[in-house]
Amino acid sequence: MGKEDMFLLWGSGSSPCMRVMIALEEKGFSGYAQKKLDFSKGEHKGPEVLALNPRGQVPTFKDGDLVLGESYAVLHYLQHRYPDSGNNLLPGSAKEQGKALQRYYEIQVTLSAPYYALYLAIMFKKEPQEEVQKKVDAFLKEMKTFDGYLAESKFVGGDSFSLGDIDMMVILTMCERQALNVKEKFPNMHAYYERNKERPSIAASYPPHFKTSDSPKILASF
């Protein structure tokens, strides 16, 4: 199997989709078959997706007869199925890989999931303000922790771009879009983002509608 057997269904602005797209670029599969779906038309719940993924969600990724609908599973799969293709997303010794994986899982639990919960709370306004503020405080506290980590290393997990960097760059892309003042609040994270935002895999996976639509500045006041 290889690029010719791959197919991705995705939507612009989806953090999970951006993760998978970055990973595919990093692993050297630029030019893979793909189709962008329109969330506003409910295409991610349409028959094309449901035939592969009964949850009706994107990304839905196909490699040969394997179908994966969870972005983190796709990242693991690409690295382990194609370890020698493109960039190694778990480089170095067992010790170095352990540190990279520590940060990778840490980001999932302490940054990515809380960010998404905060985003939903702000956008849908179904929670009391004090509960929203708790989510804000928890998220900013973890951002500060990772800002400290990035004062000590070039990348999230060490000296090389790894799985955790994919997730971190997605989160920071969304924070920039939503006007969180990362530069002032988290200078090390800001410097890290500026260093990596033009990395070919990141630039190629930037949500296309972000370039043409106004930004919802929902994090500007925090």
N, C-alpha and C. Protein backbone atom coordinates (compact mmCIF):
# COMPACT_ATOMS: atom_id res chain seq x y z
N MET A 1 0.84 -1.20 0.00
CA MET A 1 0.00 0.00 0.00
C MET A 1 0.87 1.24 0.00
N GLY A 2 0.31 2.35 -0.43
CA GLY A 2 1.01 3.62 -0.47
C GLY A 2 0.05 4.71 -0.84
N LYS A 3 0.57 5.83 -1.30
CA LYS A 3 -0.26 6.99 -1.58
C LYS A 3 -1.41 6.68 -2.53
N GLU A 4 -1.16 5.82 -3.50
CA GLU A 4 -2.19 5.51 -4.49
C GLU A 4 -3.39 4.79 -3.89
N ASP A 5 -3.24 4.22 -2.69
CA ASP A 5 -4.33 3.51 -2.03
C ASP A 5 -5.03 4.37 -0.98
N MET A 6 -4.59 5.62 -0.82
CA MET A 6 -5.11 6.48 0.25
C MET A 6 -6.21 7.40 -0.26
N PHE A 7 -7.15 7.69 0.64
CA PHE A 7 -8.23 8.63 0.34
C PHE A 7 -8.68 9.29 1.64
N LEU A 8 -8.83 10.61 1.60
CA LEU A 8 -9.22 11.35 2.80
C LEU A 8 -10.45 12.20 2.52
N LEU A 9 -11.45 12.05 3.38
CA LEU A 9 -12.60 12.94 3.40
C LEU A 9 -12.39 13.92 4.55
N TRP A 10 -12.50 15.22 4.29
CA TRP A 10 -12.15 16.20 5.30
C TRP A 10 -13.00 17.46 5.16
N GLY A 11 -12.90 18.34 6.16
CA GLY A 11 -13.60 19.61 6.13
C GLY A 11 -12.69 20.73 6.61
N SER A 12 -12.81 21.88 6.00
CA SER A 12 -11.97 23.03 6.34
C SER A 12 -12.31 23.59 7.71
N GLY A 13 -11.28 23.80 8.53
CA GLY A 13 -11.46 24.37 9.86
C GLY A 13 -11.56 23.35 10.96
N SER A 14 -11.57 22.08 10.61
CA SER A 14 -11.63 21.00 11.59
C SER A 14 -10.23 20.70 12.11
N SER A 15 -10.05 20.80 13.42
CA SER A 15 -8.75 20.48 14.02
C SER A 15 -8.33 19.03 13.74
N PRO A 16 -9.22 18.05 13.92
CA PRO A 16 -8.82 16.67 13.61
C PRO A 16 -8.41 16.48 12.15
N CYS A 17 -9.11 17.15 11.23
CA CYS A 17 -8.73 17.03 9.82
C CYS A 17 -7.36 17.62 9.58
N MET A 18 -7.09 18.79 10.18
CA MET A 18 -5.79 19.42 9.99
C MET A 18 -4.68 18.53 10.52
N ARG A 19 -4.91 17.86 11.66
CA ARG A 19 -3.90 16.92 12.20
C ARG A 19 -3.52 15.87 11.17
N VAL A 20 -4.53 15.24 10.60
CA VAL A 20 -4.28 14.15 9.65
C VAL A 20 -3.58 14.66 8.41
N MET A 21 -3.98 15.83 7.94
CA MET A 21 -3.37 16.39 6.73
C MET A 21 -1.90 16.72 6.96
N ILE A 22 -1.57 17.27 8.12
CA ILE A 22 -0.17 17.54 8.43
C ILE A 22 0.62 16.24 8.45
N ALA A 23 0.07 15.22 9.11
CA ALA A 23 0.78 13.94 9.19
C ALA A 23 1.02 13.33 7.81
N LEU A 24 0.03 13.40 6.94
CA LEU A 24 0.19 12.85 5.59
C LEU A 24 1.30 13.59 4.84
N GLU A 25 1.36 14.90 5.00
CA GLU A 25 2.42 15.67 4.36
C GLU A 25 3.78 15.32 4.96
N GLU A 26 3.85 15.21 6.28
CA GLU A 26 5.12 14.89 6.93
C GLU A 26 5.64 13.52 6.50
N LYS A 27 4.73 12.59 6.27
CA LYS A 27 5.15 11.24 5.91
C LYS A 27 5.40 11.09 4.41
N GLY A 28 5.34 12.20 3.68
CA GLY A 28 5.72 12.16 2.28
C GLY A 28 4.63 11.78 1.31
N PHE A 29 3.35 11.93 1.73
CA PHE A 29 2.25 11.50 0.87
C PHE A 29 1.50 12.67 0.24
N SER A 30 2.20 13.77 0.04
CA SER A 30 1.60 14.92 -0.63
C SER A 30 1.01 14.49 -1.98
N GLY A 31 -0.21 14.98 -2.26
CA GLY A 31 -0.87 14.61 -3.50
C GLY A 31 -1.81 13.43 -3.36
N TYR A 32 -2.02 12.95 -2.13
CA TYR A 32 -2.96 11.85 -1.88
C TYR A 32 -4.37 12.26 -2.33
N ALA A 33 -5.17 11.28 -2.68
CA ALA A 33 -6.55 11.54 -3.09
C ALA A 33 -7.35 12.05 -1.90
N GLN A 34 -8.14 13.07 -2.13
CA GLN A 34 -8.91 13.65 -1.03
C GLN A 34 -10.14 14.37 -1.56
N LYS A 35 -11.08 14.62 -0.68
CA LYS A 35 -12.28 15.38 -1.04
C LYS A 35 -12.68 16.25 0.14
N LYS A 36 -12.81 17.55 -0.12
CA LYS A 36 -13.24 18.49 0.92
C LYS A 36 -14.76 18.53 0.95
N LEU A 37 -15.31 18.34 2.14
CA LEU A 37 -16.76 18.37 2.33
C LEU A 37 -17.20 19.69 2.93
N ASP A 38 -18.43 20.07 2.67
CA ASP A 38 -18.98 21.33 3.15
C ASP A 38 -19.80 21.06 4.41
N PHE A 39 -19.30 21.53 5.56
CA PHE A 39 -20.03 21.33 6.82
C PHE A 39 -21.39 22.00 6.79
N SER A 40 -21.46 23.19 6.18
CA SER A 40 -22.72 23.95 6.19
C SER A 40 -23.83 23.23 5.44
N LYS A 41 -23.46 22.34 4.53
CA LYS A 41 -24.45 21.55 3.79
C LYS A 41 -24.66 20.17 4.39
N GLY A 42 -23.98 19.90 5.51
CA GLY A 42 -24.13 18.61 6.16
C GLY A 42 -23.53 17.46 5.38
N GLU A 43 -22.56 17.77 4.51
CA GLU A 43 -22.00 16.70 3.67
C GLU A 43 -21.24 15.65 4.46
N HIS A 44 -20.77 16.03 5.66
CA HIS A 44 -20.06 15.05 6.49
C HIS A 44 -21.01 14.00 7.07
N LYS A 45 -22.31 14.26 6.95
CA LYS A 45 -23.32 13.28 7.39
C LYS A 45 -23.97 12.59 6.20
N GLY A 46 -23.42 12.80 5.02
CA GLY A 46 -24.00 12.25 3.80
C GLY A 46 -23.60 10.81 3.55
N PRO A 47 -24.16 10.21 2.52
CA PRO A 47 -23.95 8.78 2.25
C PRO A 47 -22.50 8.43 1.95
N GLU A 48 -21.75 9.36 1.34
CA GLU A 48 -20.36 9.05 1.01
C GLU A 48 -19.53 8.79 2.26
N VAL A 49 -19.78 9.59 3.31
CA VAL A 49 -19.07 9.39 4.57
C VAL A 49 -19.64 8.21 5.32
N LEU A 50 -20.96 8.14 5.42
CA LEU A 50 -21.60 7.09 6.20
C LEU A 50 -21.30 5.69 5.66
N ALA A 51 -21.03 5.60 4.38
CA ALA A 51 -20.67 4.30 3.81
C ALA A 51 -19.35 3.79 4.37
N LEU A 52 -18.50 4.72 4.79
CA LEU A 52 -17.20 4.35 5.35
C LEU A 52 -17.16 4.49 6.86
N ASN A 53 -17.87 5.47 7.37
CA ASN A 53 -17.79 5.82 8.79
C ASN A 53 -19.19 6.06 9.33
N PRO A 54 -19.76 5.09 10.04
CA PRO A 54 -21.14 5.21 10.51
C PRO A 54 -21.36 6.35 11.50
N ARG A 55 -20.29 6.90 12.05
CA ARG A 55 -20.44 8.06 12.94
C ARG A 55 -20.70 9.34 12.16
N GLY A 56 -20.47 9.32 10.87
CA GLY A 56 -20.70 10.50 10.07
C GLY A 56 -19.84 11.67 10.50
N GLN A 57 -18.54 11.44 10.53
CA GLN A 57 -17.63 12.49 10.95
C GLN A 57 -16.37 12.47 10.08
N VAL A 58 -15.70 13.60 10.07
CA VAL A 58 -14.42 13.70 9.37
C VAL A 58 -13.37 14.16 10.37
N PRO A 59 -12.12 13.74 10.13
CA PRO A 59 -11.65 13.04 8.94
C PRO A 59 -12.11 11.59 8.90
N THR A 60 -12.34 11.12 7.71
CA THR A 60 -12.45 9.70 7.44
C THR A 60 -11.35 9.35 6.46
N PHE A 61 -10.46 8.48 6.88
CA PHE A 61 -9.25 8.17 6.12
C PHE A 61 -9.28 6.71 5.72
N LYS A 62 -8.93 6.47 4.46
CA LYS A 62 -8.92 5.12 3.92
C LYS A 62 -7.54 4.83 3.33
N ASP A 63 -6.98 3.68 3.69
CA ASP A 63 -5.73 3.20 3.10
C ASP A 63 -5.94 1.75 2.72
N GLY A 64 -6.14 1.50 1.44
CA GLY A 64 -6.53 0.15 1.03
C GLY A 64 -7.89 -0.18 1.60
N ASP A 65 -7.98 -1.31 2.32
CA ASP A 65 -9.27 -1.70 2.91
C ASP A 65 -9.40 -1.25 4.36
N LEU A 66 -8.43 -0.50 4.86
CA LEU A 66 -8.48 0.01 6.22
C LEU A 66 -9.14 1.38 6.24
N VAL A 67 -10.12 1.56 7.13
CA VAL A 67 -10.80 2.85 7.29
C VAL A 67 -10.63 3.30 8.74
N LEU A 68 -10.17 4.53 8.92
CA LEU A 68 -9.99 5.10 10.26
C LEU A 68 -10.73 6.43 10.34
N GLY A 69 -11.43 6.63 11.46
CA GLY A 69 -12.21 7.85 11.64
C GLY A 69 -11.80 8.67 12.84
N GLU A 70 -10.68 8.30 13.47
CA GLU A 70 -10.16 9.08 14.60
C GLU A 70 -8.78 9.61 14.21
N SER A 71 -8.60 10.91 14.34
CA SER A 71 -7.38 11.52 13.85
C SER A 71 -6.13 11.00 14.55
N TYR A 72 -6.21 10.79 15.86
CA TYR A 72 -5.02 10.30 16.57
C TYR A 72 -4.67 8.88 16.14
N ALA A 73 -5.68 8.09 15.81
CA ALA A 73 -5.41 6.75 15.30
C ALA A 73 -4.70 6.83 13.95
N VAL A 74 -5.10 7.78 13.12
CA VAL A 74 -4.45 7.94 11.82
C VAL A 74 -2.99 8.33 12.00
N LEU A 75 -2.70 9.23 12.93
CA LEU A 75 -1.32 9.63 13.17
C LEU A 75 -0.46 8.44 13.57
N HIS A 76 -0.97 7.64 14.51
CA HIS A 76 -0.25 6.44 14.94
C HIS A 76 -0.06 5.48 13.76
N TYR A 77 -1.11 5.27 13.02
CA TYR A 77 -1.05 4.32 11.91
C TYR A 77 -0.01 4.74 10.88
N LEU A 78 -0.04 6.01 10.47
CA LEU A 78 0.90 6.46 9.45
C LEU A 78 2.35 6.30 9.89
N GLN A 79 2.60 6.63 11.16
CA GLN A 79 3.98 6.52 11.64
C GLN A 79 4.44 5.05 11.70
N HIS A 80 3.58 4.17 12.17
CA HIS A 80 3.99 2.78 12.36
C HIS A 80 3.86 1.94 11.09
N ARG A 81 2.92 2.29 10.22
CA ARG A 81 2.79 1.55 8.95
C ARG A 81 3.86 1.96 7.95
N TYR A 82 4.26 3.23 8.02
CA TYR A 82 5.24 3.75 7.07
C TYR A 82 6.40 4.43 7.81
N PRO A 83 7.12 3.70 8.63
CA PRO A 83 8.16 4.32 9.46
C PRO A 83 9.30 4.94 8.65
N ASP A 84 9.55 4.41 7.46
CA ASP A 84 10.69 4.89 6.67
C ASP A 84 10.28 5.88 5.59
N SER A 85 9.01 6.23 5.54
CA SER A 85 8.54 7.18 4.54
C SER A 85 8.56 8.60 5.12
N GLY A 86 9.03 9.56 4.34
CA GLY A 86 9.00 10.94 4.78
C GLY A 86 9.77 11.16 6.07
N ASN A 87 9.20 11.97 6.95
CA ASN A 87 9.85 12.30 8.21
C ASN A 87 9.43 11.33 9.31
N ASN A 88 10.38 10.96 10.13
CA ASN A 88 10.11 10.09 11.28
C ASN A 88 9.49 10.93 12.37
N LEU A 89 8.25 10.62 12.74
CA LEU A 89 7.53 11.41 13.73
C LEU A 89 7.70 10.89 15.15
N LEU A 90 8.53 9.85 15.28
CA LEU A 90 8.96 9.37 16.60
C LEU A 90 10.45 9.07 16.53
N PRO A 91 11.25 10.12 16.40
CA PRO A 91 12.68 9.91 16.16
C PRO A 91 13.47 9.62 17.42
N GLY A 92 14.70 9.12 17.21
CA GLY A 92 15.65 9.00 18.30
C GLY A 92 15.60 7.67 19.03
N SER A 93 16.24 7.66 20.19
CA SER A 93 16.32 6.47 21.04
C SER A 93 14.99 6.21 21.74
N ALA A 94 14.92 5.08 22.43
CA ALA A 94 13.71 4.76 23.19
C ALA A 94 13.43 5.85 24.22
N LYS A 95 14.47 6.38 24.84
CA LYS A 95 14.31 7.44 25.83
C LYS A 95 13.75 8.71 25.18
N GLU A 96 14.28 9.05 24.02
CA GLU A 96 13.80 10.24 23.31
C GLU A 96 12.37 10.05 22.83
N GLN A 97 12.06 8.85 22.37
CA GLN A 97 10.69 8.57 21.94
C GLN A 97 9.73 8.63 23.12
N GLY A 98 10.18 8.15 24.29
CA GLY A 98 9.36 8.22 25.49
C GLY A 98 8.98 9.66 25.84
N LYS A 99 9.96 10.56 25.75
CA LYS A 99 9.67 11.96 26.05
C LYS A 99 8.72 12.55 25.02
N ALA A 100 8.94 12.22 23.74
CA ALA A 100 8.07 12.74 22.69
C ALA A 100 6.63 12.24 22.88
N LEU A 101 6.48 10.97 23.24
CA LEU A 101 5.14 10.42 23.47
C LEU A 101 4.50 11.01 24.72
N GLN A 102 5.30 11.26 25.75
CA GLN A 102 4.79 11.91 26.96
C GLN A 102 4.11 13.23 26.59
N ARG A 103 4.81 14.05 25.81
CA ARG A 103 4.24 15.34 25.42
C ARG A 103 3.05 15.16 24.49
N TYR A 104 3.13 14.20 23.60
CA TYR A 104 2.03 13.94 22.66
C TYR A 104 0.73 13.63 23.40
N TYR A 105 0.80 12.71 24.36
CA TYR A 105 -0.41 12.35 25.10
C TYR A 105 -0.82 13.46 26.06
N GLU A 106 0.16 14.15 26.61
CA GLU A 106 -0.12 15.25 27.51
C GLU A 106 -0.92 16.35 26.79
N ILE A 107 -0.53 16.66 25.56
CA ILE A 107 -1.24 17.68 24.80
C ILE A 107 -2.68 17.24 24.54
N GLN A 108 -2.88 15.99 24.19
CA GLN A 108 -4.24 15.50 23.94
C GLN A 108 -5.15 15.73 25.14
N VAL A 109 -4.64 15.39 26.32
CA VAL A 109 -5.47 15.42 27.53
C VAL A 109 -5.59 16.83 28.10
N THR A 110 -4.47 17.56 28.16
CA THR A 110 -4.47 18.82 28.91
C THR A 110 -4.66 20.06 28.05
N LEU A 111 -4.48 19.95 26.73
CA LEU A 111 -4.66 21.12 25.86
C LEU A 111 -5.74 20.92 24.80
N SER A 112 -5.64 19.86 24.01
CA SER A 112 -6.55 19.69 22.89
C SER A 112 -7.99 19.49 23.36
N ALA A 113 -8.21 18.55 24.26
CA ALA A 113 -9.58 18.31 24.75
C ALA A 113 -10.14 19.52 25.50
N PRO A 114 -9.39 20.16 26.41
CA PRO A 114 -9.91 21.35 27.09
C PRO A 114 -10.17 22.51 26.13
N TYR A 115 -9.32 22.66 25.11
CA TYR A 115 -9.57 23.73 24.12
C TYR A 115 -10.91 23.50 23.44
N TYR A 116 -11.17 22.27 23.02
CA TYR A 116 -12.41 21.98 22.31
C TYR A 116 -13.63 22.20 23.22
N ALA A 117 -13.51 21.80 24.49
CA ALA A 117 -14.61 22.01 25.45
C ALA A 117 -14.86 23.51 25.64
N LEU A 118 -13.78 24.29 25.72
CA LEU A 118 -13.90 25.74 25.86
C LEU A 118 -14.54 26.35 24.62
N TYR A 119 -14.10 25.91 23.46
CA TYR A 119 -14.65 26.42 22.20
C TYR A 119 -16.16 26.19 22.14
N LEU A 120 -16.59 24.99 22.48
CA LEU A 120 -18.03 24.67 22.45
C LEU A 120 -18.80 25.51 23.46
N ALA A 121 -18.23 25.69 24.65
CA ALA A 121 -18.90 26.46 25.69
C ALA A 121 -19.09 27.91 25.26
N ILE A 122 -18.09 28.48 24.62
CA ILE A 122 -18.19 29.88 24.19
C ILE A 122 -19.13 30.01 22.99
N MET A 123 -19.02 29.12 22.04
CA MET A 123 -19.80 29.23 20.81
C MET A 123 -21.29 28.98 21.03
N PHE A 124 -21.61 28.01 21.87
CA PHE A 124 -23.01 27.62 22.02
C PHE A 124 -23.70 28.26 23.23
N LYS A 125 -22.92 28.86 24.11
CA LYS A 125 -23.44 29.67 25.22
C LYS A 125 -24.52 28.96 26.02
N LYS A 126 -24.26 27.69 26.34
CA LYS A 126 -25.23 26.91 27.10
C LYS A 126 -24.82 26.71 28.55
N GLU A 127 -23.68 27.30 28.94
CA GLU A 127 -23.18 27.13 30.30
C GLU A 127 -23.13 28.47 31.00
N PRO A 128 -23.31 28.47 32.34
CA PRO A 128 -23.17 29.72 33.09
C PRO A 128 -21.77 30.31 32.90
N GLN A 129 -21.67 31.62 32.99
CA GLN A 129 -20.38 32.28 32.75
C GLN A 129 -19.30 31.79 33.69
N GLU A 130 -19.67 31.48 34.92
CA GLU A 130 -18.64 31.02 35.87
C GLU A 130 -18.06 29.67 35.44
N GLU A 131 -18.87 28.82 34.80
CA GLU A 131 -18.35 27.55 34.30
C GLU A 131 -17.45 27.76 33.09
N VAL A 132 -17.83 28.69 32.24
CA VAL A 132 -16.99 29.02 31.10
C VAL A 132 -15.64 29.56 31.59
N GLN A 133 -15.69 30.42 32.62
CA GLN A 133 -14.45 30.99 33.13
C GLN A 133 -13.54 29.92 33.70
N LYS A 134 -14.11 28.91 34.32
CA LYS A 134 -13.30 27.80 34.83
C LYS A 134 -12.57 27.11 33.69
N LYS A 135 -13.25 26.93 32.57
CA LYS A 135 -12.62 26.30 31.40
C LYS A 135 -11.52 27.19 30.85
N VAL A 136 -11.77 28.49 30.82
CA VAL A 136 -10.75 29.44 30.36
C VAL A 136 -9.52 29.35 31.25
N ASP A 137 -9.73 29.40 32.56
CA ASP A 137 -8.61 29.38 33.50
C ASP A 137 -7.80 28.09 33.38
N ALA A 138 -8.50 26.97 33.23
CA ALA A 138 -7.81 25.68 33.12
C ALA A 138 -6.98 25.62 31.83
N PHE A 139 -7.55 26.12 30.75
CA PHE A 139 -6.84 26.10 29.47
C PHE A 139 -5.61 27.00 29.50
N LEU A 140 -5.77 28.20 30.02
CA LEU A 140 -4.64 29.13 30.07
C LEU A 140 -3.54 28.63 31.01
N LYS A 141 -3.94 27.95 32.07
CA LYS A 141 -2.94 27.38 32.98
C LYS A 141 -2.08 26.35 32.25
N GLU A 142 -2.72 25.50 31.45
CA GLU A 142 -1.96 24.49 30.71
C GLU A 142 -1.12 25.12 29.61
N MET A 143 -1.63 26.17 28.99
CA MET A 143 -0.83 26.88 27.99
C MET A 143 0.45 27.41 28.63
N LYS A 144 0.33 27.91 29.84
CA LYS A 144 1.51 28.42 30.54
C LYS A 144 2.51 27.29 30.82
N THR A 145 1.99 26.13 31.18
CA THR A 145 2.87 24.98 31.41
C THR A 145 3.66 24.64 30.14
N PHE A 146 2.98 24.59 29.02
CA PHE A 146 3.66 24.26 27.78
C PHE A 146 4.57 25.39 27.31
N ASP A 147 4.22 26.61 27.66
CA ASP A 147 5.13 27.71 27.35
C ASP A 147 6.46 27.50 28.07
N GLY A 148 6.39 26.98 29.29
CA GLY A 148 7.61 26.65 30.02
C GLY A 148 8.39 25.53 29.36
N TYR A 149 7.70 24.50 28.89
CA TYR A 149 8.37 23.41 28.19
C TYR A 149 9.14 23.93 26.98
N LEU A 150 8.51 24.84 26.24
CA LEU A 150 9.11 25.32 25.00
C LEU A 150 10.22 26.34 25.23
N ALA A 151 10.40 26.73 26.48
CA ALA A 151 11.58 27.55 26.81
C ALA A 151 12.83 26.69 26.84
N GLU A 152 12.65 25.37 26.93
CA GLU A 152 13.77 24.46 27.14
C GLU A 152 14.07 23.57 25.94
N SER A 153 13.20 23.56 24.94
CA SER A 153 13.43 22.69 23.78
C SER A 153 12.90 23.34 22.52
N LYS A 154 13.49 22.95 21.40
CA LYS A 154 13.13 23.52 20.10
C LYS A 154 11.75 23.08 19.68
N PHE A 155 11.43 21.83 19.94
CA PHE A 155 10.13 21.28 19.60
C PHE A 155 9.46 20.76 20.87
N VAL A 156 8.19 20.39 20.75
CA VAL A 156 7.41 19.98 21.92
C VAL A 156 8.06 18.82 22.66
N GLY A 157 8.55 17.83 21.92
CA GLY A 157 9.08 16.63 22.56
C GLY A 157 10.57 16.50 22.55
N GLY A 158 11.28 17.56 22.15
CA GLY A 158 12.74 17.46 22.11
C GLY A 158 13.32 18.27 20.98
N ASP A 159 14.30 17.69 20.29
CA ASP A 159 15.03 18.43 19.26
C ASP A 159 14.49 18.20 17.85
N SER A 160 13.48 17.33 17.71
CA SER A 160 12.95 17.01 16.38
C SER A 160 11.43 17.17 16.37
N PHE A 161 10.89 17.53 15.21
CA PHE A 161 9.44 17.61 15.00
C PHE A 161 8.86 16.21 15.16
N SER A 162 7.85 16.07 16.01
CA SER A 162 7.27 14.75 16.29
C SER A 162 5.75 14.84 16.36
N LEU A 163 5.11 13.75 16.74
CA LEU A 163 3.65 13.69 16.76
C LEU A 163 3.03 14.82 17.57
N GLY A 164 3.62 15.14 18.72
CA GLY A 164 3.06 16.18 19.57
C GLY A 164 3.08 17.55 18.91
N ASP A 165 4.06 17.79 18.05
CA ASP A 165 4.13 19.07 17.36
C ASP A 165 2.98 19.26 16.39
N ILE A 166 2.51 18.17 15.81
CA ILE A 166 1.34 18.27 14.93
C ILE A 166 0.17 18.84 15.71
N ASP A 167 -0.11 18.25 16.87
CA ASP A 167 -1.25 18.70 17.66
C ASP A 167 -1.04 20.13 18.17
N MET A 168 0.17 20.43 18.62
CA MET A 168 0.44 21.77 19.13
C MET A 168 0.26 22.83 18.05
N MET A 169 0.72 22.56 16.85
CA MET A 169 0.58 23.54 15.78
C MET A 169 -0.88 23.73 15.38
N VAL A 170 -1.67 22.68 15.46
CA VAL A 170 -3.11 22.82 15.19
C VAL A 170 -3.75 23.71 16.25
N ILE A 171 -3.46 23.46 17.52
CA ILE A 171 -4.04 24.26 18.59
C ILE A 171 -3.65 25.73 18.44
N LEU A 172 -2.39 25.99 18.16
CA LEU A 172 -1.93 27.38 18.04
C LEU A 172 -2.50 28.05 16.79
N THR A 173 -2.71 27.29 15.74
CA THR A 173 -3.38 27.84 14.56
C THR A 173 -4.78 28.30 14.91
N MET A 174 -5.50 27.48 15.68
CA MET A 174 -6.86 27.84 16.08
C MET A 174 -6.85 29.04 17.04
N CYS A 175 -5.88 29.06 17.95
CA CYS A 175 -5.79 30.19 18.88
C CYS A 175 -5.51 31.49 18.15
N GLU A 176 -4.65 31.43 17.15
CA GLU A 176 -4.38 32.63 16.36
C GLU A 176 -5.64 33.08 15.63
N ARG A 177 -6.33 32.14 15.05
CA ARG A 177 -7.57 32.44 14.32
C ARG A 177 -8.59 33.10 15.24
N GLN A 178 -8.63 32.66 16.48
CA GLN A 178 -9.64 33.16 17.42
C GLN A 178 -9.12 34.27 18.34
N ALA A 179 -7.94 34.80 17.97
CA ALA A 179 -7.40 36.05 18.53
C ALA A 179 -6.95 35.95 19.98
N LEU A 180 -6.52 34.77 20.43
CA LEU A 180 -5.87 34.70 21.73
C LEU A 180 -4.50 35.38 21.62
N ASN A 181 -4.19 36.24 22.59
CA ASN A 181 -2.93 36.99 22.54
C ASN A 181 -1.78 36.11 23.01
N VAL A 182 -1.40 35.16 22.16
CA VAL A 182 -0.34 34.22 22.49
C VAL A 182 1.00 34.95 22.62
N LYS A 183 1.23 35.93 21.77
CA LYS A 183 2.51 36.64 21.77
C LYS A 183 2.81 37.26 23.13
N GLU A 184 1.81 37.87 23.73
CA GLU A 184 2.02 38.54 25.03
C GLU A 184 1.97 37.56 26.18
N LYS A 185 1.02 36.64 26.15
CA LYS A 185 0.80 35.74 27.29
C LYS A 185 1.79 34.57 27.31
N PHE A 186 2.15 34.07 26.13
CA PHE A 186 2.97 32.85 26.05
C PHE A 186 4.07 33.05 25.01
N PRO A 187 5.08 33.82 25.33
CA PRO A 187 6.09 34.20 24.33
C PRO A 187 6.85 33.04 23.72
N ASN A 188 7.10 32.00 24.50
CA ASN A 188 7.82 30.85 23.94
C ASN A 188 6.96 30.09 22.93
N MET A 189 5.69 29.98 23.23
CA MET A 189 4.78 29.33 22.29
C MET A 189 4.63 30.17 21.03
N HIS A 190 4.58 31.48 21.20
CA HIS A 190 4.48 32.36 20.04
C HIS A 190 5.71 32.20 19.13
N ALA A 191 6.90 32.20 19.73
CA ALA A 191 8.12 32.04 18.95
C ALA A 191 8.15 30.68 18.24
N TYR A 192 7.70 29.64 18.94
CA TYR A 192 7.62 28.29 18.37
C TYR A 192 6.67 28.29 17.16
N TYR A 193 5.51 28.92 17.32
CA TYR A 193 4.53 28.98 16.23
C TYR A 193 5.10 29.72 15.03
N GLU A 194 5.75 30.84 15.28
CA GLU A 194 6.33 31.63 14.19
C GLU A 194 7.41 30.84 13.45
N ARG A 195 8.18 30.04 14.19
CA ARG A 195 9.23 29.23 13.56
C ARG A 195 8.67 28.15 12.65
N ASN A 196 7.49 27.66 12.99
CA ASN A 196 6.99 26.46 12.33
C ASN A 196 5.79 26.66 11.42
N LYS A 197 5.18 27.84 11.43
CA LYS A 197 3.94 28.00 10.66
C LYS A 197 4.15 27.91 9.16
N GLU A 198 5.39 28.17 8.68
CA GLU A 198 5.66 28.04 7.25
C GLU A 198 6.30 26.69 6.91
N ARG A 199 6.41 25.81 7.89
CA ARG A 199 6.86 24.45 7.58
C ARG A 199 5.95 23.89 6.49
N PRO A 200 6.49 23.25 5.47
CA PRO A 200 5.65 22.84 4.33
C PRO A 200 4.40 22.06 4.71
N SER A 201 4.50 21.16 5.67
CA SER A 201 3.33 20.36 6.05
C SER A 201 2.25 21.22 6.71
N ILE A 202 2.67 22.21 7.49
CA ILE A 202 1.72 23.09 8.17
C ILE A 202 1.06 24.00 7.16
N ALA A 203 1.87 24.63 6.31
CA ALA A 203 1.33 25.55 5.31
C ALA A 203 0.37 24.84 4.36
N ALA A 204 0.70 23.62 3.97
CA ALA A 204 -0.15 22.88 3.02
C ALA A 204 -1.48 22.47 3.64
N SER A 205 -1.53 22.41 4.97
CA SER A 205 -2.72 21.91 5.67
C SER A 205 -3.54 23.03 6.30
N TYR A 206 -3.13 24.28 6.09
CA TYR A 206 -3.84 25.42 6.67
C TYR A 206 -5.26 25.45 6.10
N PRO A 207 -6.29 25.57 6.96
CA PRO A 207 -7.68 25.54 6.47
C PRO A 207 -7.92 26.61 5.41
N PRO A 208 -8.35 26.22 4.22
CA PRO A 208 -8.45 27.20 3.13
C PRO A 208 -9.41 28.35 3.40
N HIS A 209 -10.50 28.10 4.12
CA HIS A 209 -11.45 29.19 4.33
C HIS A 209 -10.94 30.21 5.35
N PHE A 210 -9.91 29.86 6.12
CA PHE A 210 -9.32 30.82 7.04
C PHE A 210 -8.70 32.00 6.28
N LYS A 211 -8.29 31.76 5.04
CA LYS A 211 -7.62 32.79 4.25
C LYS A 211 -8.61 33.78 3.65
N THR A 212 -9.88 33.43 3.62
CA THR A 212 -10.86 34.25 2.91
C THR A 212 -12.03 34.72 3.76
N SER A 213 -12.12 34.26 5.00
CA SER A 213 -13.26 34.63 5.84
C SER A 213 -12.79 35.35 7.09
N ASP A 214 -13.67 36.13 7.70
CA ASP A 214 -13.36 36.85 8.92
C ASP A 214 -13.16 35.88 10.07
N SER A 215 -12.32 36.28 11.00
CA SER A 215 -12.02 35.44 12.14
C SER A 215 -13.03 35.66 13.26
N PRO A 216 -13.56 34.58 13.87
CA PRO A 216 -14.40 34.73 15.06
C PRO A 216 -13.49 34.93 16.27
N LYS A 217 -13.37 36.14 16.73
CA LYS A 217 -12.37 36.47 17.77
C LYS A 217 -12.88 36.12 19.17
N ILE A 218 -13.20 34.86 19.35
CA ILE A 218 -13.86 34.44 20.59
C ILE A 218 -12.92 34.35 21.78
N LEU A 219 -11.61 34.35 21.53
CA LEU A 219 -10.64 34.27 22.63
C LEU A 219 -9.95 35.61 22.89
N ALA A 220 -10.39 36.66 22.22
CA ALA A 220 -9.69 37.94 22.31
C ALA A 220 -9.74 38.55 23.71
N SER A 221 -10.78 38.24 24.47
CA SER A 221 -10.93 38.89 25.78
C SER A 221 -10.25 38.11 26.90
N PHE A 222 -9.60 37.01 26.60
CA PHE A 222 -9.03 36.18 27.65
C PHE A 222 -7.50 36.34 27.72
